[in-house]
C-alpha atoms as a PDB file:
ATOM      1  CA  MET A   1     114.810 125.033 127.239  1.00  0.00           C
ATOM      2  CA  THR A   2     112.330 125.946 124.495  1.00  0.00           C
ATOM      3  CA  MET A   3     113.790 128.060 121.711  1.00  0.00           C
ATOM      4  CA  ALA A   4     111.652 131.007 120.585  1.00  0.00           C
ATOM      5  CA  PHE A   5     111.208 131.241 116.828  1.00  0.00           C
ATOM      6  CA  VAL A   6     111.596 134.726 115.359  1.00  0.00           C
ATOM      7  CA  ARG A   7     109.884 135.803 112.136  1.00  0.00           C
ATOM      8  CA  HIS A   8     111.945 137.234 109.251  1.00  0.00           C
ATOM      9  CA  THR A   9     111.376 138.287 105.659  1.00  0.00           C
ATOM     10  CA  ILE A  10     113.885 138.134 102.808  1.00  0.00           C
ATOM     11  CA  ASP A  11     113.563 139.262  99.205  1.00  0.00           C
ATOM     12  CA  ILE A  12     114.514 136.575  96.692  1.00  0.00           C
ATOM     13  CA  ASN A  13     114.312 137.653  93.060  1.00  0.00           C
ATOM     14  CA  GLY A  14     111.391 139.950  93.817  1.00  0.00           C
ATOM     15  CA  CYS A  15     109.600 137.434  96.032  1.00  0.00           C
ATOM     16  CA  LYS A  16     109.098 138.367  99.676  1.00  0.00           C
ATOM     17  CA  LEU A  17     109.760 135.086 101.485  1.00  0.00           C
ATOM     18  CA  GLY A  18     108.660 134.844 105.106  1.00  0.00           C
ATOM     19  CA  PHE A  19     110.337 132.411 107.476  1.00  0.00           C
ATOM     20  CA  ALA A  20     110.762 131.603 111.145  1.00  0.00           C
ATOM     21  CA  ARG A  21     114.156 130.866 112.666  1.00  0.00           C
ATOM     22  CA  ALA A  22     115.442 129.579 116.000  1.00  0.00           C
ATOM     23  CA  GLY A  23     118.255 127.562 117.510  1.00  0.00           C
ATOM     24  CA  ARG A  24     121.959 127.343 116.880  1.00  0.00           C
ATOM     25  CA  GLY A  25     124.387 124.970 115.273  1.00  0.00           C
ATOM     26  CA  VAL A  26     124.316 123.311 111.870  1.00  0.00           C
ATOM     27  CA  PRO A  27     121.569 124.864 109.703  1.00  0.00           C
ATOM     28  CA  LEU A  28     118.410 122.857 109.002  1.00  0.00           C
ATOM     29  CA  LEU A  29     115.763 123.889 106.484  1.00  0.00           C
ATOM     30  CA  TYR A  30     112.272 122.517 107.195  1.00  0.00           C
ATOM     31  CA  LEU A  31     109.847 122.566 104.246  1.00  0.00           C
ATOM     32  CA  HIS A  32     106.214 122.157 105.248  1.00  0.00           C
ATOM     33  CA  GLY A  33     103.419 120.227 103.538  1.00  0.00           C
ATOM     34  CA  THR A  34     100.159 121.240 101.883  1.00  0.00           C
ATOM     35  CA  ASP A  35      98.568 122.225 105.211  1.00  0.00           C
ATOM     36  CA  GLY A  36     101.113 124.967 105.733  1.00  0.00           C
ATOM     37  CA  LEU A  37     102.189 125.881 109.247  1.00  0.00           C
ATOM     38  CA  ALA A  38      98.799 126.659 110.798  1.00  0.00           C
ATOM     39  CA  GLU A  39      99.495 123.781 113.185  1.00  0.00           C
ATOM     40  CA  TRP A  40     103.099 124.307 114.272  1.00  0.00           C
ATOM     41  CA  PRO A  41     104.925 120.937 114.171  1.00  0.00           C
ATOM     42  CA  ALA A  42     106.136 120.098 117.670  1.00  0.00           C
ATOM     43  CA  ILE A  43     109.252 118.498 116.198  1.00  0.00           C
ATOM     44  CA  LEU A  44     110.580 121.940 115.277  1.00  0.00           C
ATOM     45  CA  GLU A  45     110.960 122.910 118.931  1.00  0.00           C
ATOM     46  CA  ALA A  46     113.040 119.786 119.543  1.00  0.00           C
ATOM     47  CA  LEU A  47     115.135 120.335 116.418  1.00  0.00           C
ATOM     48  CA  ALA A  48     115.868 123.917 117.472  1.00  0.00           C
ATOM     49  CA  GLU A  49     117.660 122.568 120.554  1.00  0.00           C
ATOM     50  CA  ARG A  50     120.311 121.027 118.271  1.00  0.00           C
ATOM     51  CA  PHE A  51     120.155 122.927 114.967  1.00  0.00           C
ATOM     52  CA  ASP A  52     119.779 126.385 113.490  1.00  0.00           C
ATOM     53  CA  VAL A  53     116.238 125.751 112.194  1.00  0.00           C
ATOM     54  CA  ILE A  54     114.856 127.802 109.297  1.00  0.00           C
ATOM     55  CA  VAL A  55     111.150 127.290 108.508  1.00  0.00           C
ATOM     56  CA  PRO A  56     109.899 129.206 105.450  1.00  0.00           C
ATOM     57  CA  ASP A  57     106.328 129.685 104.276  1.00  0.00           C
ATOM     58  CA  HIS A  58     106.165 128.421 100.691  1.00  0.00           C
ATOM     59  CA  PRO A  59     105.190 131.063  98.119  1.00  0.00           C
ATOM     60  CA  GLY A  60     101.450 131.629  98.494  1.00  0.00           C
ATOM     61  CA  PHE A  61     101.435 130.297 102.074  1.00  0.00           C
ATOM     62  CA  GLY A  62     101.531 132.302 105.302  1.00  0.00           C
ATOM     63  CA  THR A  63     103.434 135.560 104.918  1.00  0.00           C
ATOM     64  CA  SER A  64     105.175 134.670 101.644  1.00  0.00           C
ATOM     65  CA  GLU A  65     104.186 136.211  98.348  1.00  0.00           C
ATOM     66  CA  ILE A  66     103.692 134.231  95.151  1.00  0.00           C
ATOM     67  CA  PRO A  67     105.440 136.014  92.279  1.00  0.00           C
ATOM     68  CA  ALA A  68     104.296 135.732  88.668  1.00  0.00           C
ATOM     69  CA  TRP A  69     107.444 133.840  87.657  1.00  0.00           C
ATOM     70  CA  ILE A  70     106.634 130.785  89.804  1.00  0.00           C
ATOM     71  CA  ASP A  71     104.834 128.258  87.597  1.00  0.00           C
ATOM     72  CA  ASP A  72     105.657 124.907  89.189  1.00  0.00           C
ATOM     73  CA  VAL A  73     107.558 123.111  91.946  1.00  0.00           C
ATOM     74  CA  SER A  74     110.898 123.409  90.153  1.00  0.00           C
ATOM     75  CA  ASP A  75     110.642 127.204  90.381  1.00  0.00           C
ATOM     76  CA  VAL A  76     110.088 126.915  94.140  1.00  0.00           C
ATOM     77  CA  ALA A  77     113.154 124.660  94.353  1.00  0.00           C
ATOM     78  CA  TYR A  78     115.296 127.304  92.647  1.00  0.00           C
ATOM     79  CA  LEU A  79     113.825 129.932  94.992  1.00  0.00           C
ATOM     80  CA  TYR A  80     115.006 127.989  98.038  1.00  0.00           C
ATOM     81  CA  LEU A  81     118.434 127.311  96.558  1.00  0.00           C
ATOM     82  CA  ASP A  82     118.772 131.066  96.005  1.00  0.00           C
ATOM     83  CA  ALA A  83     117.516 131.714  99.552  1.00  0.00           C
ATOM     84  CA  ILE A  84     120.153 129.367 101.003  1.00  0.00           C
ATOM     85  CA  GLU A  85     122.824 131.294  99.122  1.00  0.00           C
ATOM     86  CA  ALA A  86     121.396 134.671 100.149  1.00  0.00           C
ATOM     87  CA  LEU A  87     121.414 133.619 103.807  1.00  0.00           C
ATOM     88  CA  GLN A  88     125.028 132.440 103.355  1.00  0.00           C
ATOM     89  CA  LEU A  89     124.239 128.934 104.537  1.00  0.00           C
ATOM     90  CA  SER A  90     126.254 125.830 103.735  1.00  0.00           C
ATOM     91  CA  GLY A  91     126.276 122.227 104.867  1.00  0.00           C
ATOM     92  CA  ILE A  92     122.538 122.502 105.420  1.00  0.00           C
ATOM     93  CA  HIS A  93     120.203 119.649 106.322  1.00  0.00           C
ATOM     94  CA  VAL A  94     116.937 119.786 104.353  1.00  0.00           C
ATOM     95  CA  VAL A  95     113.826 118.151 105.814  1.00  0.00           C
ATOM     96  CA  GLY A  96     110.703 118.058 103.646  1.00  0.00           C
ATOM     97  CA  GLN A  97     107.237 116.824 104.559  1.00  0.00           C
ATOM     98  CA  SER A  98     104.600 116.000 101.896  1.00  0.00           C
ATOM     99  CA  LEU A  99     104.766 118.894  99.395  1.00  0.00           C
ATOM    100  CA  GLY A 100     107.940 120.014 101.156  1.00  0.00           C
ATOM    101  CA  GLY A 101     109.493 116.629 100.423  1.00  0.00           C
ATOM    102  CA  TRP A 102     108.774 117.088  96.736  1.00  0.00           C
ATOM    103  CA  ILE A 103     110.401 120.533  96.800  1.00  0.00           C
ATOM    104  CA  ALA A 104     113.414 119.131  98.672  1.00  0.00           C
ATOM    105  CA  LEU A 105     113.905 116.461  95.993  1.00  0.00           C
ATOM    106  CA  GLU A 106     113.663 119.065  93.245  1.00  0.00           C
ATOM    107  CA  MET A 107     116.322 121.107  95.047  1.00  0.00           C
ATOM    108  CA  ALA A 108     118.663 118.147  95.370  1.00  0.00           C
ATOM    109  CA  VAL A 109     118.517 117.123  91.700  1.00  0.00           C
ATOM    110  CA  ARG A 110     119.463 120.684  90.741  1.00  0.00           C
ATOM    111  CA  SER A 111     122.260 121.358  93.207  1.00  0.00           C
ATOM    112  CA  THR A 112     123.738 119.648  96.248  1.00  0.00           C
ATOM    113  CA  HIS A 113     126.565 122.164  96.579  1.00  0.00           C
ATOM    114  CA  ARG A 114     125.304 123.621  99.877  1.00  0.00           C
ATOM    115  CA  LEU A 115     123.323 120.594 101.097  1.00  0.00           C
ATOM    116  CA  ARG A 116     124.496 118.161 103.758  1.00  0.00           C
ATOM    117  CA  SER A 117     121.546 115.749 103.924  1.00  0.00           C
ATOM    118  CA  LEU A 118     118.019 115.181 102.685  1.00  0.00           C
ATOM    119  CA  THR A 119     115.228 113.799 104.896  1.00  0.00           C
ATOM    120  CA  LEU A 120     111.831 113.074 103.355  1.00  0.00           C
ATOM    121  CA  ILE A 121     108.602 112.594 105.322  1.00  0.00           C
ATOM    122  CA  SER A 122     105.711 111.193 103.236  1.00  0.00           C
ATOM    123  CA  ALA A 123     107.072 113.048 100.234  1.00  0.00           C
ATOM    124  CA  ALA A 124     104.686 113.814  97.399  1.00  0.00           C
ATOM    125  CA  GLY A 125     105.531 114.103  93.723  1.00  0.00           C
ATOM    126  CA  ILE A 126     107.901 111.145  93.391  1.00  0.00           C
ATOM    127  CA  HIS A 127     107.731 109.476  89.968  1.00  0.00           C
ATOM    128  CA  VAL A 128     108.144 105.689  90.121  1.00  0.00           C
ATOM    129  CA  LYS A 129     108.265 103.933  86.766  1.00  0.00           C
ATOM    130  CA  GLY A 130     105.261 101.660  86.299  1.00  0.00           C
ATOM    131  CA  VAL A 131     103.416 102.999  89.355  1.00  0.00           C
ATOM    132  CA  PRO A 132     100.400 105.228  88.568  1.00  0.00           C
ATOM    133  CA  LYS A 133      99.989 108.352  90.677  1.00  0.00           C
ATOM    134  CA  ALA A 134      96.719 109.001  92.495  1.00  0.00           C
ATOM    135  CA  ASP A 135      94.951 112.340  92.947  1.00  0.00           C
ATOM    136  CA  ILE A 136      94.949 112.696  96.744  1.00  0.00           C
ATOM    137  CA  PHE A 137      92.235 115.332  96.514  1.00  0.00           C
ATOM    138  CA  MET A 138      89.809 112.982  94.727  1.00  0.00           C
ATOM    139  CA  ILE A 139      90.231 109.525  96.279  1.00  0.00           C
ATOM    140  CA  ASP A 140      88.456 108.516  99.490  1.00  0.00           C
ATOM    141  CA  PRO A 141      90.314 108.205 102.844  1.00  0.00           C
ATOM    142  CA  GLU A 142      90.451 104.396 102.719  1.00  0.00           C
ATOM    143  CA  GLU A 143      92.065 104.362  99.276  1.00  0.00           C
ATOM    144  CA  GLN A 144      94.486 107.110 100.272  1.00  0.00           C
ATOM    145  CA  ALA A 145      95.541 105.132 103.350  1.00  0.00           C
ATOM    146  CA  ARG A 146      96.069 101.996 101.247  1.00  0.00           C
ATOM    147  CA  LEU A 147      98.149 103.804  98.622  1.00  0.00           C
ATOM    148  CA  ALA A 148     100.385 105.342 101.281  1.00  0.00           C
ATOM    149  CA  TYR A 149     102.221 101.993 101.582  1.00  0.00           C
ATOM    150  CA  ALA A 150     104.291 100.101  99.032  1.00  0.00           C
ATOM    151  CA  ASP A 151     103.594  96.856 100.912  1.00  0.00           C
ATOM    152  CA  PRO A 152     100.035  95.740  99.929  1.00  0.00           C
ATOM    153  CA  LYS A 153      99.501  94.071 103.321  1.00  0.00           C
ATOM    154  CA  LEU A 154     100.381  97.224 105.246  1.00  0.00           C
ATOM    155  CA  GLY A 155      98.250  99.234 102.843  1.00  0.00           C
ATOM    156  CA  ALA A 156      95.246  96.960 103.407  1.00  0.00           C
ATOM    157  CA  GLU A 157      95.657  97.242 107.177  1.00  0.00           C
ATOM    158  CA  ALA A 158      95.862 101.021 106.944  1.00  0.00           C
ATOM    159  CA  ALA A 159      92.701 101.118 104.837  1.00  0.00           C
ATOM    160  CA  LEU A 160      90.862  99.006 107.413  1.00  0.00           C
ATOM    161  CA  ARG A 161      91.936 101.314 110.209  1.00  0.00           C
ATOM    162  CA  SER A 162      90.827 104.331 108.245  1.00  0.00           C
ATOM    163  CA  ASP A 163      87.508 102.716 107.343  1.00  0.00           C
ATOM    164  CA  GLY A 164      86.882 101.556 110.889  1.00  0.00           C
ATOM    165  CA  LEU A 165      87.505 104.926 112.477  1.00  0.00           C
ATOM    166  CA  ASP A 166      85.711 107.115 109.950  1.00  0.00           C
ATOM    167  CA  ALA A 167      83.562 109.406 112.134  1.00  0.00           C
ATOM    168  CA  THR A 168      80.888 109.985 109.470  1.00  0.00           C
ATOM    169  CA  LYS A 169      80.365 106.266 108.876  1.00  0.00           C
ATOM    170  CA  LEU A 170      80.336 105.547 112.595  1.00  0.00           C
ATOM    171  CA  ALA A 171      77.769 108.257 113.255  1.00  0.00           C
ATOM    172  CA  THR A 172      75.573 106.833 110.483  1.00  0.00           C
ATOM    173  CA  ALA A 173      75.835 103.333 111.957  1.00  0.00           C
ATOM    174  CA  TYR A 174      74.933 104.678 115.389  1.00  0.00           C
ATOM    175  CA  ALA A 175      71.917 106.629 114.083  1.00  0.00           C
ATOM    176  CA  ALA A 176      70.593 103.488 112.354  1.00  0.00           C
ATOM    177  CA  LEU A 177      70.144 101.729 115.707  1.00  0.00           C
ATOM    178  CA  PRO A 178      66.693 101.696 117.341  1.00  0.00           C
ATOM    179  CA  VAL A 179      66.278 104.206 120.157  1.00  0.00           C
ATOM    180  CA  GLN A 180      66.339 101.590 122.948  1.00  0.00           C
ATOM    181  CA  ASP A 181      69.615 100.161 121.652  1.00  0.00           C
ATOM    182  CA  ARG A 182      71.214 103.585 121.395  1.00  0.00           C
ATOM    183  CA  LYS A 183      70.163 104.338 124.982  1.00  0.00           C
ATOM    184  CA  SER A 184      71.554 100.995 126.168  1.00  0.00           C
ATOM    185  CA  LEU A 185      75.017 102.275 125.290  1.00  0.00           C
ATOM    186  CA  THR A 186      74.896 104.586 128.318  1.00  0.00           C
ATOM    187  CA  GLU A 187      74.513 101.595 130.671  1.00  0.00           C
ATOM    188  CA  LYS A 188      74.939  98.027 129.448  1.00  0.00           C
ATOM    189  CA  ALA A 189      75.098  97.786 125.677  1.00  0.00           C
ATOM    190  CA  SER A 190      72.439  95.577 124.099  1.00  0.00           C
ATOM    191  CA  SER A 191      73.385  92.686 121.833  1.00  0.00           C
ATOM    192  CA  ARG A 192      72.124  94.669 118.845  1.00  0.00           C
ATOM    193  CA  ALA A 193      74.300  97.664 119.792  1.00  0.00           C
ATOM    194  CA  LEU A 194      77.326  95.396 120.144  1.00  0.00           C
ATOM    195  CA  ALA A 195      76.553  93.829 116.770  1.00  0.00           C
ATOM    196  CA  ALA A 196      76.487  97.323 115.255  1.00  0.00           C
ATOM    197  CA  VAL A 197      79.947  97.981 116.710  1.00  0.00           C
ATOM    198  CA  THR A 198      81.233  94.727 115.202  1.00  0.00           C
ATOM    199  CA  GLY A 199      79.650  95.529 111.847  1.00  0.00           C
ATOM    200  CA  ALA A 200      80.999  99.072 111.779  1.00  0.00           C
ATOM    201  CA  VAL A 201      84.664  98.089 111.826  1.00  0.00           C
ATOM    202  CA  ALA A 202      86.486  95.134 110.341  1.00  0.00           C
ATOM    203  CA  GLN A 203      89.524  95.348 112.624  1.00  0.00           C
ATOM    204  CA  PRO A 204      88.866  93.772 116.055  1.00  0.00           C
ATOM    205  CA  ARG A 205      91.466  95.937 117.807  1.00  0.00           C
ATOM    206  CA  ALA A 206      89.540  99.076 116.839  1.00  0.00           C
ATOM    207  CA  ARG A 207      86.156  97.930 118.197  1.00  0.00           C
ATOM    208  CA  ARG A 208      86.832  99.227 121.692  1.00  0.00           C
ATOM    209  CA  HIS A 209      87.350 102.715 120.273  1.00  0.00           C
ATOM    210  CA  VAL A 210      84.124 102.400 118.271  1.00  0.00           C
ATOM    211  CA  LEU A 211      82.205 101.333 121.391  1.00  0.00           C
ATOM    212  CA  LEU A 212      83.574 104.326 123.289  1.00  0.00           C
ATOM    213  CA  TYR A 213      82.579 106.626 120.422  1.00  0.00           C
ATOM    214  CA  PHE A 214      79.045 105.170 120.288  1.00  0.00           C
ATOM    215  CA  SER A 215      78.742 105.562 124.070  1.00  0.00           C
ATOM    216  CA  ALA A 216      79.767 109.221 123.819  1.00  0.00           C
ATOM    217  CA  LEU A 217      77.153 109.824 121.110  1.00  0.00           C
ATOM    218  CA  ALA A 218      74.519 108.175 123.307  1.00  0.00           C
ATOM    219  CA  ALA A 219      75.494 110.320 126.296  1.00  0.00           C
ATOM    220  CA  ILE A 220      75.145 113.453 124.181  1.00  0.00           C
ATOM    221  CA  GLU A 221      71.769 112.293 122.816  1.00  0.00           C
ATOM    222  CA  PHE A 222      70.092 111.099 126.034  1.00  0.00           C
ATOM    223  CA  TYR A 223      71.879 113.008 128.803  1.00  0.00           C
ATOM    224  CA  PRO A 224      73.053 116.253 127.177  1.00  0.00           C
ATOM    225  CA  ALA A 225      73.074 118.306 130.394  1.00  0.00           C
ATOM    226  CA  GLU A 226      75.077 115.726 132.328  1.00  0.00           C
ATOM    227  CA  PHE A 227      77.458 115.261 129.383  1.00  0.00           C
ATOM    228  CA  ALA A 228      78.048 119.011 129.078  1.00  0.00           C
ATOM    229  CA  ALA A 229      78.716 119.234 132.806  1.00  0.00           C
ATOM    230  CA  GLY A 230      81.402 116.573 132.499  1.00  0.00           C
END
């Protein structure tokens, strides 16, 4: 049975904090990442079957205000600790994803009095001595994929996957093919078209997906009416 989330608003030190809540049982606070909650995480529906799930919009996101006294992540951490107290919650599980993971860590180093557990999903903001931090808004997708792993081998594999399935690069590689080779992708791919697929991605396992993508681009280019009709 799917639990329906209900929207609420609470005032915390002059900040109107919006949140959704559903389920029953032990309380669980879910702190979202930098993308907000525009795409509702499917996991929340499953969690609400076992927990009392509280999902706030961070200050400045969704329906929550951003008061003048919030200057950094530590202020947001104190806001949520105060919210937990105001809602009279205790023994609460805190789950943080990306930015939410950073906030969850900041909460835990300040007070664990009402916390039961801490679960981090790709948490941002963690300081590791000797490890430089990257600006995720400036680096390219391949570098970001590589830096997401502590294991260099796993990072290299992730970068290859990201590079191989980059839609912009694939579209450029497709457009560089001569017309007859692009059209061949709708029937039997020419040797030059297949070579372009091989050259577009370093990871052999991803080449099938690239070939399917090229074939879709060819169908759109040469048979747009049939493609649109399905």
